[in-house]
Amino acid sequence: MLEEVSLSKISRNGDKFFTEISIQNNNGYDYDPWIKVGVSDLIEYGPENGSWRLSSYLASGVVDREMDSAKVLVLPLIGLKFNQVQYSRTIVSAWIHPRLYDGNFSVPSPDYDPVKHPDTEVVTKEDCKMYIVPFYLPPFNPKLARLVAGKRVKIKFGSI
């Protein structure tokens, strides 16, 4: 069983929206909770081969050195299937892409918070505070990538 990763407090609109990712366990039937984040995007990026990308951004005001909104999660998926909408919550299932590499797969550790990184700069202008973090994506974890590549996931989206 994988360690649960709750990123709602550091992800965008984590107090208003949720994305919950559960991963199929080794019995091949049940799913274990894995990742919780705020609002997410699910975008088809390889229509010719059915590839999708689930991504989530860090809270508003957290950017990388190029002033792009920094991401807290990137998960490439294949075989996406719509399961249901119930009580304004959407559920889909998919498989994590079997080929994971730095740049297409970023799942941070549970204690990840780049705002607390020593190289993060804080810029205050009038009543607006911005955090410039030293990286756009969480670091690639090859060990985790080997554990989850090709596994089935269920993803729930909704408002809190």
C-alpha atoms as a PDB file:
ATOM      1  CA  MET A   1       0.000   0.000   0.000  1.00  0.00           C
ATOM      2  CA  LEU A   2       1.278   3.461  -0.914  1.00  0.00           C
ATOM      3  CA  GLU A   3       1.607   6.266   1.572  1.00  0.00           C
ATOM      4  CA  GLU A   4      -1.328   8.693   1.361  1.00  0.00           C
ATOM      5  CA  VAL A   5      -0.433  12.121   0.021  1.00  0.00           C
ATOM      6  CA  SER A   6      -2.705  14.993   1.071  1.00  0.00           C
ATOM      7  CA  LEU A   7      -1.885  18.164  -0.864  1.00  0.00           C
ATOM      8  CA  SER A   8      -5.189  19.999  -0.485  1.00  0.00           C
ATOM      9  CA  LYS A   9      -3.739  22.708   1.768  1.00  0.00           C
ATOM     10  CA  ILE A  10      -1.028  23.675  -0.732  1.00  0.00           C
ATOM     11  CA  SER A  11      -2.971  23.144  -3.970  1.00  0.00           C
ATOM     12  CA  ARG A  12      -5.165  25.646  -5.764  1.00  0.00           C
ATOM     13  CA  ASN A  13      -8.649  26.036  -4.274  1.00  0.00           C
ATOM     14  CA  GLY A  14      -8.125  23.045  -1.976  1.00  0.00           C
ATOM     15  CA  ASP A  15     -10.652  24.587   0.413  1.00  0.00           C
ATOM     16  CA  LYS A  16     -13.413  24.647  -2.237  1.00  0.00           C
ATOM     17  CA  PHE A  17     -12.758  21.692  -4.563  1.00  0.00           C
ATOM     18  CA  PHE A  18     -11.311  18.225  -4.252  1.00  0.00           C
ATOM     19  CA  THR A  19      -9.679  15.627  -6.426  1.00  0.00           C
ATOM     20  CA  GLU A  20      -9.225  12.224  -4.800  1.00  0.00           C
ATOM     21  CA  ILE A  21      -7.149   9.526  -6.456  1.00  0.00           C
ATOM     22  CA  SER A  22      -7.380   5.933  -5.298  1.00  0.00           C
ATOM     23  CA  ILE A  23      -5.095   3.215  -6.656  1.00  0.00           C
ATOM     24  CA  GLN A  24      -6.025  -0.421  -7.183  1.00  0.00           C
ATOM     25  CA  ASN A  25      -4.357  -2.626  -4.614  1.00  0.00           C
ATOM     26  CA  ASN A  26      -2.706  -5.966  -5.235  1.00  0.00           C
ATOM     27  CA  ASN A  27      -5.887  -8.022  -4.856  1.00  0.00           C
ATOM     28  CA  GLY A  28      -6.987  -6.514  -8.185  1.00  0.00           C
ATOM     29  CA  TYR A  29     -10.399  -5.429  -6.930  1.00  0.00           C
ATOM     30  CA  ASP A  30     -10.194  -2.923  -4.084  1.00  0.00           C
ATOM     31  CA  TYR A  31      -8.795   0.604  -4.243  1.00  0.00           C
ATOM     32  CA  ASP A  32      -6.687   2.318  -1.600  1.00  0.00           C
ATOM     33  CA  PRO A  33      -6.721   6.102  -1.042  1.00  0.00           C
ATOM     34  CA  TRP A  34      -3.574   7.649  -2.472  1.00  0.00           C
ATOM     35  CA  ILE A  35      -3.653  11.379  -3.348  1.00  0.00           C
ATOM     36  CA  LYS A  36      -5.870  14.320  -2.353  1.00  0.00           C
ATOM     37  CA  VAL A  37      -5.524  17.728  -4.022  1.00  0.00           C
ATOM     38  CA  GLY A  38      -7.707  20.718  -4.757  1.00  0.00           C
ATOM     39  CA  VAL A  39      -8.956  21.633  -8.209  1.00  0.00           C
ATOM     40  CA  SER A  40      -7.424  19.668 -11.097  1.00  0.00           C
ATOM     41  CA  ASP A  41      -7.321  19.629 -14.878  1.00  0.00           C
ATOM     42  CA  LEU A  42      -7.892  16.453 -16.869  1.00  0.00           C
ATOM     43  CA  ILE A  43      -6.859  17.037 -20.473  1.00  0.00           C
ATOM     44  CA  GLU A  44      -6.556  14.678 -23.414  1.00  0.00           C
ATOM     45  CA  TYR A  45      -3.121  15.277 -24.888  1.00  0.00           C
ATOM     46  CA  GLY A  46      -2.746  12.289 -27.188  1.00  0.00           C
ATOM     47  CA  PRO A  47      -6.088  11.812 -28.937  1.00  0.00           C
ATOM     48  CA  GLU A  48      -4.536   9.371 -31.395  1.00  0.00           C
ATOM     49  CA  ASN A  49      -3.559   7.009 -28.586  1.00  0.00           C
ATOM     50  CA  GLY A  50      -5.971   7.871 -25.768  1.00  0.00           C
ATOM     51  CA  SER A  51      -3.467   9.596 -23.498  1.00  0.00           C
ATOM     52  CA  TRP A  52      -4.633  11.983 -20.804  1.00  0.00           C
ATOM     53  CA  ARG A  53      -2.919  14.151 -18.197  1.00  0.00           C
ATOM     54  CA  LEU A  54      -4.243  14.942 -14.750  1.00  0.00           C
ATOM     55  CA  SER A  55      -2.548  17.959 -13.229  1.00  0.00           C
ATOM     56  CA  SER A  56      -2.996  20.251 -10.277  1.00  0.00           C
ATOM     57  CA  TYR A  57      -1.425  23.607  -9.492  1.00  0.00           C
ATOM     58  CA  LEU A  58      -0.008  24.961  -6.278  1.00  0.00           C
ATOM     59  CA  ALA A  59      -2.059  27.649  -4.538  1.00  0.00           C
ATOM     60  CA  SER A  60      -2.609  30.967  -6.306  1.00  0.00           C
ATOM     61  CA  GLY A  61       0.413  33.206  -6.008  1.00  0.00           C
ATOM     62  CA  VAL A  62       2.973  30.392  -6.159  1.00  0.00           C
ATOM     63  CA  VAL A  63       4.999  30.569  -9.363  1.00  0.00           C
ATOM     64  CA  ASP A  64       8.299  29.315 -10.720  1.00  0.00           C
ATOM     65  CA  ARG A  65      11.178  31.548 -11.798  1.00  0.00           C
ATOM     66  CA  GLU A  66       9.571  32.096 -15.244  1.00  0.00           C
ATOM     67  CA  MET A  67       6.402  33.289 -13.476  1.00  0.00           C
ATOM     68  CA  ASP A  68       4.399  30.230 -14.564  1.00  0.00           C
ATOM     69  CA  SER A  69       1.966  28.802 -12.033  1.00  0.00           C
ATOM     70  CA  ALA A  70       3.862  25.926 -10.410  1.00  0.00           C
ATOM     71  CA  LYS A  71       2.300  22.457 -10.409  1.00  0.00           C
ATOM     72  CA  VAL A  72       1.912  20.168  -7.445  1.00  0.00           C
ATOM     73  CA  LEU A  73       0.890  17.045  -9.402  1.00  0.00           C
ATOM     74  CA  VAL A  74       1.230  15.609 -12.912  1.00  0.00           C
ATOM     75  CA  LEU A  75      -0.143  12.138 -13.619  1.00  0.00           C
ATOM     76  CA  PRO A  76      -0.215  10.703 -17.175  1.00  0.00           C
ATOM     77  CA  LEU A  77      -3.137   8.356 -17.820  1.00  0.00           C
ATOM     78  CA  ILE A  78      -4.379   5.992 -20.523  1.00  0.00           C
ATOM     79  CA  GLY A  79      -7.649   4.123 -21.059  1.00  0.00           C
ATOM     80  CA  LEU A  80      -9.764   6.780 -19.364  1.00  0.00           C
ATOM     81  CA  LYS A  81     -13.359   5.720 -18.724  1.00  0.00           C
ATOM     82  CA  PHE A  82     -16.196   7.879 -17.464  1.00  0.00           C
ATOM     83  CA  ASN A  83     -17.890   6.087 -14.563  1.00  0.00           C
ATOM     84  CA  GLN A  84     -20.547   8.412 -13.151  1.00  0.00           C
ATOM     85  CA  VAL A  85     -21.747  11.781 -11.962  1.00  0.00           C
ATOM     86  CA  GLN A  86     -23.574  11.594  -8.658  1.00  0.00           C
ATOM     87  CA  TYR A  87     -24.411  14.478  -6.334  1.00  0.00           C
ATOM     88  CA  SER A  88     -22.241  16.788  -8.493  1.00  0.00           C
ATOM     89  CA  ARG A  89     -19.233  14.517  -8.080  1.00  0.00           C
ATOM     90  CA  THR A  90     -17.627  13.026 -11.154  1.00  0.00           C
ATOM     91  CA  ILE A  91     -15.839   9.688 -11.089  1.00  0.00           C
ATOM     92  CA  VAL A  92     -13.521   8.384 -13.803  1.00  0.00           C
ATOM     93  CA  SER A  93     -11.167   5.433 -13.950  1.00  0.00           C
ATOM     94  CA  ALA A  94      -7.962   4.968 -15.928  1.00  0.00           C
ATOM     95  CA  TRP A  95      -4.552   3.361 -15.882  1.00  0.00           C
ATOM     96  CA  ILE A  96      -1.392   5.224 -15.023  1.00  0.00           C
ATOM     97  CA  HIS A  97       0.684   5.369 -18.174  1.00  0.00           C
ATOM     98  CA  PRO A  98       3.255   2.532 -18.173  1.00  0.00           C
ATOM     99  CA  ARG A  99       6.088   4.808 -19.379  1.00  0.00           C
ATOM    100  CA  LEU A 100       6.807   7.337 -16.644  1.00  0.00           C
ATOM    101  CA  TYR A 101       9.738   9.730 -16.723  1.00  0.00           C
ATOM    102  CA  ASP A 102      10.906  13.066 -15.386  1.00  0.00           C
ATOM    103  CA  GLY A 103       8.581  15.756 -16.719  1.00  0.00           C
ATOM    104  CA  ASN A 104       5.503  13.614 -17.359  1.00  0.00           C
ATOM    105  CA  PHE A 105       5.107  12.170 -13.836  1.00  0.00           C
ATOM    106  CA  SER A 106       5.346  14.254 -10.674  1.00  0.00           C
ATOM    107  CA  VAL A 107       3.849  13.037  -7.419  1.00  0.00           C
ATOM    108  CA  PRO A 108       5.446  14.655  -4.377  1.00  0.00           C
ATOM    109  CA  SER A 109       6.048  13.207  -0.941  1.00  0.00           C
ATOM    110  CA  PRO A 110       3.415  13.884   1.753  1.00  0.00           C
ATOM    111  CA  ASP A 111       5.540  16.626   3.350  1.00  0.00           C
ATOM    112  CA  TYR A 112       6.079  18.535   0.093  1.00  0.00           C
ATOM    113  CA  ASP A 113       5.686  22.305   0.399  1.00  0.00           C
ATOM    114  CA  PRO A 114       7.926  24.321  -1.946  1.00  0.00           C
ATOM    115  CA  VAL A 115       6.887  27.593  -0.267  1.00  0.00           C
ATOM    116  CA  LYS A 116       9.036  26.449   2.690  1.00  0.00           C
ATOM    117  CA  HIS A 117      12.025  25.641   0.457  1.00  0.00           C
ATOM    118  CA  PRO A 118      15.105  27.729   1.405  1.00  0.00           C
ATOM    119  CA  ASP A 119      15.482  28.998  -2.185  1.00  0.00           C
ATOM    120  CA  THR A 120      11.898  30.275  -2.395  1.00  0.00           C
ATOM    121  CA  GLU A 121      11.662  34.043  -2.801  1.00  0.00           C
ATOM    122  CA  VAL A 122       8.811  36.065  -1.334  1.00  0.00           C
ATOM    123  CA  VAL A 123       7.746  39.173  -3.243  1.00  0.00           C
ATOM    124  CA  THR A 124       5.247  41.586  -1.698  1.00  0.00           C
ATOM    125  CA  LYS A 125       3.657  44.324  -3.764  1.00  0.00           C
ATOM    126  CA  GLU A 126       0.954  46.448  -2.171  1.00  0.00           C
ATOM    127  CA  ASP A 127      -1.414  43.899  -0.617  1.00  0.00           C
ATOM    128  CA  CYS A 128      -0.336  40.980  -2.826  1.00  0.00           C
ATOM    129  CA  LYS A 129       2.209  38.331  -1.789  1.00  0.00           C
ATOM    130  CA  MET A 130       3.847  36.052  -4.362  1.00  0.00           C
ATOM    131  CA  TYR A 131       6.096  33.059  -3.761  1.00  0.00           C
ATOM    132  CA  ILE A 132       8.691  32.295  -6.435  1.00  0.00           C
ATOM    133  CA  VAL A 133       9.644  28.648  -5.996  1.00  0.00           C
ATOM    134  CA  PRO A 134      12.820  27.169  -7.499  1.00  0.00           C
ATOM    135  CA  PHE A 135      11.030  24.554  -9.634  1.00  0.00           C
ATOM    136  CA  TYR A 136       7.926  24.147 -11.811  1.00  0.00           C
ATOM    137  CA  LEU A 137       7.234  20.497 -10.864  1.00  0.00           C
ATOM    138  CA  PRO A 138       7.892  18.379  -7.784  1.00  0.00           C
ATOM    139  CA  PRO A 139      11.028  16.245  -8.155  1.00  0.00           C
ATOM    140  CA  PHE A 140      10.743  13.000 -10.130  1.00  0.00           C
ATOM    141  CA  ASN A 141      10.643   9.892  -7.927  1.00  0.00           C
ATOM    142  CA  PRO A 142      11.823   6.892 -10.005  1.00  0.00           C
ATOM    143  CA  LYS A 143      11.070   4.398  -7.217  1.00  0.00           C
ATOM    144  CA  LEU A 144       7.447   5.566  -6.983  1.00  0.00           C
ATOM    145  CA  ALA A 145       7.192   5.595 -10.786  1.00  0.00           C
ATOM    146  CA  ARG A 146       8.190   1.902 -10.910  1.00  0.00           C
ATOM    147  CA  LEU A 147       5.604   1.044  -8.233  1.00  0.00           C
ATOM    148  CA  VAL A 148       2.634   2.739  -9.916  1.00  0.00           C
ATOM    149  CA  ALA A 149       3.313   2.473 -13.667  1.00  0.00           C
ATOM    150  CA  GLY A 150       0.431   0.617 -15.320  1.00  0.00           C
ATOM    151  CA  LYS A 151      -1.757   0.554 -12.178  1.00  0.00           C
ATOM    152  CA  ARG A 152      -5.456   1.305 -12.344  1.00  0.00           C
ATOM    153  CA  VAL A 153      -6.807   4.397 -10.577  1.00  0.00           C
ATOM    154  CA  LYS A 154     -10.204   5.875  -9.729  1.00  0.00           C
ATOM    155  CA  ILE A 155     -10.441   9.640  -9.626  1.00  0.00           C
ATOM    156  CA  LYS A 156     -13.235  11.644  -7.953  1.00  0.00           C
ATOM    157  CA  PHE A 157     -13.756  15.348  -8.637  1.00  0.00           C
ATOM    158  CA  GLY A 158     -16.148  17.663  -6.860  1.00  0.00           C
ATOM    159  CA  SER A 159     -16.777  20.654  -4.675  1.00  0.00           C
ATOM    160  CA  ILE A 160     -16.540  20.673  -0.909  1.00  0.00           C
END
